[in-house]
Amino acid sequence: MTKWIIRILFIAIIAGVSSGFYIKNTTDTALGDKFIGVSILTAAFVLMPIFIYYRWKGKDIRKYMLTKEN
């Protein structure tokens, strides 16, 4: 389920950035910048935490920490 949410969000972000550049080059510069900005903010604050949680779920963090045993 989480994998599909990540994929859908990624495609939506790519579509938002692409449409933002298209709008910026054809009609309204300010509206295109808003599309691009919202898409990048969504990628940074929504997509990345979900992706990091999905990749690190169920892993032992102690394997990756620098301790005396390692």
N, C-alpha and C. Protein backbone atom coordinates (compact mmCIF):
# COMPACT_ATOMS: atom_id res chain seq x y z
N MET A 1 0.82 -1.19 0.00
CA MET A 1 0.00 0.00 0.00
C MET A 1 0.87 1.26 0.00
N THR A 2 1.90 1.25 0.84
CA THR A 2 2.77 2.42 0.91
C THR A 2 3.53 2.61 -0.39
N LYS A 3 3.89 1.51 -1.03
CA LYS A 3 4.62 1.60 -2.29
C LYS A 3 3.78 2.32 -3.35
N TRP A 4 2.49 2.04 -3.38
CA TRP A 4 1.63 2.68 -4.37
C TRP A 4 1.42 4.16 -4.07
N ILE A 5 1.35 4.50 -2.79
CA ILE A 5 1.23 5.91 -2.42
C ILE A 5 2.47 6.67 -2.85
N ILE A 6 3.64 6.08 -2.64
CA ILE A 6 4.89 6.71 -3.05
C ILE A 6 4.92 6.89 -4.57
N ARG A 7 4.52 5.88 -5.30
CA ARG A 7 4.53 5.98 -6.77
C ARG A 7 3.56 7.04 -7.27
N ILE A 8 2.37 7.07 -6.71
CA ILE A 8 1.37 8.06 -7.14
C ILE A 8 1.84 9.47 -6.82
N LEU A 9 2.39 9.66 -5.61
CA LEU A 9 2.90 10.98 -5.25
C LEU A 9 4.04 11.40 -6.16
N PHE A 10 4.93 10.48 -6.49
CA PHE A 10 6.05 10.79 -7.36
C PHE A 10 5.57 11.22 -8.74
N ILE A 11 4.61 10.50 -9.29
CA ILE A 11 4.07 10.86 -10.61
C ILE A 11 3.36 12.20 -10.54
N ALA A 12 2.62 12.46 -9.45
CA ALA A 12 1.93 13.74 -9.31
C ALA A 12 2.92 14.89 -9.19
N ILE A 13 4.03 14.68 -8.50
CA ILE A 13 5.03 15.73 -8.36
C ILE A 13 5.71 16.00 -9.70
N ILE A 14 6.04 14.96 -10.44
CA ILE A 14 6.63 15.14 -11.77
C ILE A 14 5.66 15.88 -12.68
N ALA A 15 4.39 15.52 -12.62
CA ALA A 15 3.38 16.20 -13.43
C ALA A 15 3.24 17.66 -13.01
N GLY A 16 3.29 17.93 -11.71
CA GLY A 16 3.19 19.31 -11.24
C GLY A 16 4.35 20.18 -11.67
N VAL A 17 5.56 19.64 -11.59
CA VAL A 17 6.73 20.40 -12.03
C VAL A 17 6.68 20.61 -13.54
N SER A 18 6.32 19.58 -14.27
CA SER A 18 6.25 19.70 -15.74
C SER A 18 5.19 20.71 -16.16
N SER A 19 4.02 20.63 -15.55
CA SER A 19 2.97 21.60 -15.91
C SER A 19 3.36 23.00 -15.46
N GLY A 20 4.07 23.12 -14.36
CA GLY A 20 4.55 24.43 -13.91
C GLY A 20 5.51 25.05 -14.91
N PHE A 21 6.43 24.26 -15.43
CA PHE A 21 7.35 24.79 -16.45
C PHE A 21 6.61 25.13 -17.74
N TYR A 22 5.62 24.32 -18.09
CA TYR A 22 4.84 24.61 -19.29
C TYR A 22 4.06 25.91 -19.13
N ILE A 23 3.39 26.07 -18.00
CA ILE A 23 2.62 27.29 -17.76
C ILE A 23 3.56 28.50 -17.68
N LYS A 24 4.70 28.32 -17.07
CA LYS A 24 5.67 29.41 -16.94
C LYS A 24 6.16 29.89 -18.30
N ASN A 25 6.38 28.96 -19.22
CA ASN A 25 6.91 29.33 -20.54
C ASN A 25 5.84 29.82 -21.51
N THR A 26 4.58 29.47 -21.28
CA THR A 26 3.57 29.84 -22.25
C THR A 26 2.72 31.03 -21.82
N THR A 27 2.18 31.02 -20.60
CA THR A 27 1.22 32.06 -20.24
C THR A 27 1.65 32.91 -19.06
N ASP A 28 1.55 32.38 -17.86
CA ASP A 28 1.71 33.17 -16.65
C ASP A 28 2.92 32.69 -15.86
N THR A 29 3.89 33.58 -15.68
CA THR A 29 5.12 33.22 -14.98
C THR A 29 4.86 32.96 -13.50
N ALA A 30 4.05 33.79 -12.86
CA ALA A 30 3.81 33.64 -11.42
C ALA A 30 3.07 32.34 -11.11
N LEU A 31 2.08 31.99 -11.91
CA LEU A 31 1.33 30.76 -11.69
C LEU A 31 2.22 29.53 -11.89
N GLY A 32 3.07 29.58 -12.91
CA GLY A 32 4.01 28.48 -13.14
C GLY A 32 4.97 28.30 -11.99
N ASP A 33 5.46 29.41 -11.43
CA ASP A 33 6.35 29.33 -10.27
C ASP A 33 5.64 28.74 -9.06
N LYS A 34 4.36 29.05 -8.89
CA LYS A 34 3.59 28.47 -7.78
C LYS A 34 3.44 26.96 -7.94
N PHE A 35 3.16 26.50 -9.15
CA PHE A 35 3.05 25.06 -9.40
C PHE A 35 4.37 24.36 -9.08
N ILE A 36 5.46 24.93 -9.55
CA ILE A 36 6.77 24.33 -9.31
C ILE A 36 7.09 24.33 -7.82
N GLY A 37 6.83 25.43 -7.14
CA GLY A 37 7.13 25.53 -5.72
C GLY A 37 6.33 24.57 -4.87
N VAL A 38 5.05 24.46 -5.14
CA VAL A 38 4.21 23.53 -4.37
C VAL A 38 4.64 22.09 -4.63
N SER A 39 5.01 21.79 -5.84
CA SER A 39 5.45 20.43 -6.16
C SER A 39 6.75 20.09 -5.44
N ILE A 40 7.69 21.01 -5.41
CA ILE A 40 8.96 20.77 -4.73
C ILE A 40 8.76 20.66 -3.22
N LEU A 41 7.91 21.52 -2.66
CA LEU A 41 7.62 21.42 -1.22
C LEU A 41 6.94 20.11 -0.88
N THR A 42 6.05 19.65 -1.73
CA THR A 42 5.39 18.36 -1.52
C THR A 42 6.41 17.23 -1.56
N ALA A 43 7.35 17.32 -2.48
CA ALA A 43 8.39 16.30 -2.57
C ALA A 43 9.24 16.28 -1.31
N ALA A 44 9.57 17.46 -0.80
CA ALA A 44 10.47 17.53 0.36
C ALA A 44 9.78 17.16 1.66
N PHE A 45 8.54 17.61 1.86
CA PHE A 45 7.91 17.45 3.17
C PHE A 45 6.88 16.34 3.24
N VAL A 46 6.49 15.76 2.13
CA VAL A 46 5.52 14.67 2.15
C VAL A 46 6.14 13.39 1.60
N LEU A 47 6.68 13.46 0.38
CA LEU A 47 7.21 12.27 -0.27
C LEU A 47 8.44 11.71 0.44
N MET A 48 9.41 12.56 0.78
CA MET A 48 10.65 12.07 1.39
C MET A 48 10.43 11.39 2.74
N PRO A 49 9.64 11.96 3.67
CA PRO A 49 9.42 11.23 4.93
C PRO A 49 8.71 9.89 4.74
N ILE A 50 7.74 9.83 3.83
CA ILE A 50 7.07 8.56 3.58
C ILE A 50 8.04 7.56 2.98
N PHE A 51 8.88 8.00 2.06
CA PHE A 51 9.87 7.12 1.44
C PHE A 51 10.89 6.62 2.47
N ILE A 52 11.37 7.51 3.32
CA ILE A 52 12.35 7.11 4.34
C ILE A 52 11.73 6.12 5.31
N TYR A 53 10.50 6.37 5.73
CA TYR A 53 9.82 5.43 6.63
C TYR A 53 9.66 4.06 5.95
N TYR A 54 9.28 4.06 4.69
CA TYR A 54 9.07 2.81 3.96
C TYR A 54 10.37 2.01 3.83
N ARG A 55 11.48 2.68 3.57
CA ARG A 55 12.75 1.99 3.37
C ARG A 55 13.37 1.50 4.68
N TRP A 56 13.14 2.23 5.79
CA TRP A 56 13.77 1.86 7.06
C TRP A 56 12.87 1.03 7.94
N LYS A 57 11.65 0.75 7.53
CA LYS A 57 10.71 -0.01 8.36
C LYS A 57 11.23 -1.42 8.58
N GLY A 58 11.33 -1.83 9.83
CA GLY A 58 11.73 -3.19 10.16
C GLY A 58 13.22 -3.45 10.17
N LYS A 59 14.05 -2.44 10.02
CA LYS A 59 15.50 -2.64 10.03
C LYS A 59 16.05 -2.30 11.41
N ASP A 60 17.14 -2.96 11.74
CA ASP A 60 17.79 -2.73 13.02
C ASP A 60 18.78 -1.58 12.86
N ILE A 61 18.52 -0.49 13.53
CA ILE A 61 19.35 0.70 13.38
C ILE A 61 20.72 0.50 14.04
N ARG A 62 20.80 -0.39 15.02
CA ARG A 62 22.08 -0.61 15.70
C ARG A 62 23.15 -1.16 14.76
N LYS A 63 22.76 -1.77 13.66
CA LYS A 63 23.75 -2.24 12.68
C LYS A 63 24.51 -1.09 12.03
N TYR A 64 23.86 0.04 11.91
CA TYR A 64 24.43 1.17 11.18
C TYR A 64 25.06 2.23 12.08
N MET A 65 25.02 2.01 13.41
CA MET A 65 25.59 2.96 14.34
C MET A 65 27.04 2.60 14.64
N LEU A 66 27.86 3.61 14.86
CA LEU A 66 29.24 3.39 15.24
C LEU A 66 29.31 3.17 16.75
N THR A 67 29.61 1.94 17.15
CA THR A 67 29.77 1.61 18.55
C THR A 67 31.11 0.91 18.75
N LYS A 68 31.40 0.52 19.96
CA LYS A 68 32.67 -0.16 20.22
C LYS A 68 32.72 -1.53 19.55
N GLU A 69 31.56 -2.19 19.40
CA GLU A 69 31.54 -3.48 18.76
C GLU A 69 31.80 -3.39 17.26
N ASN A 70 31.43 -2.26 16.66
CA ASN A 70 31.62 -2.10 15.23
C ASN A 70 32.96 -1.44 14.96
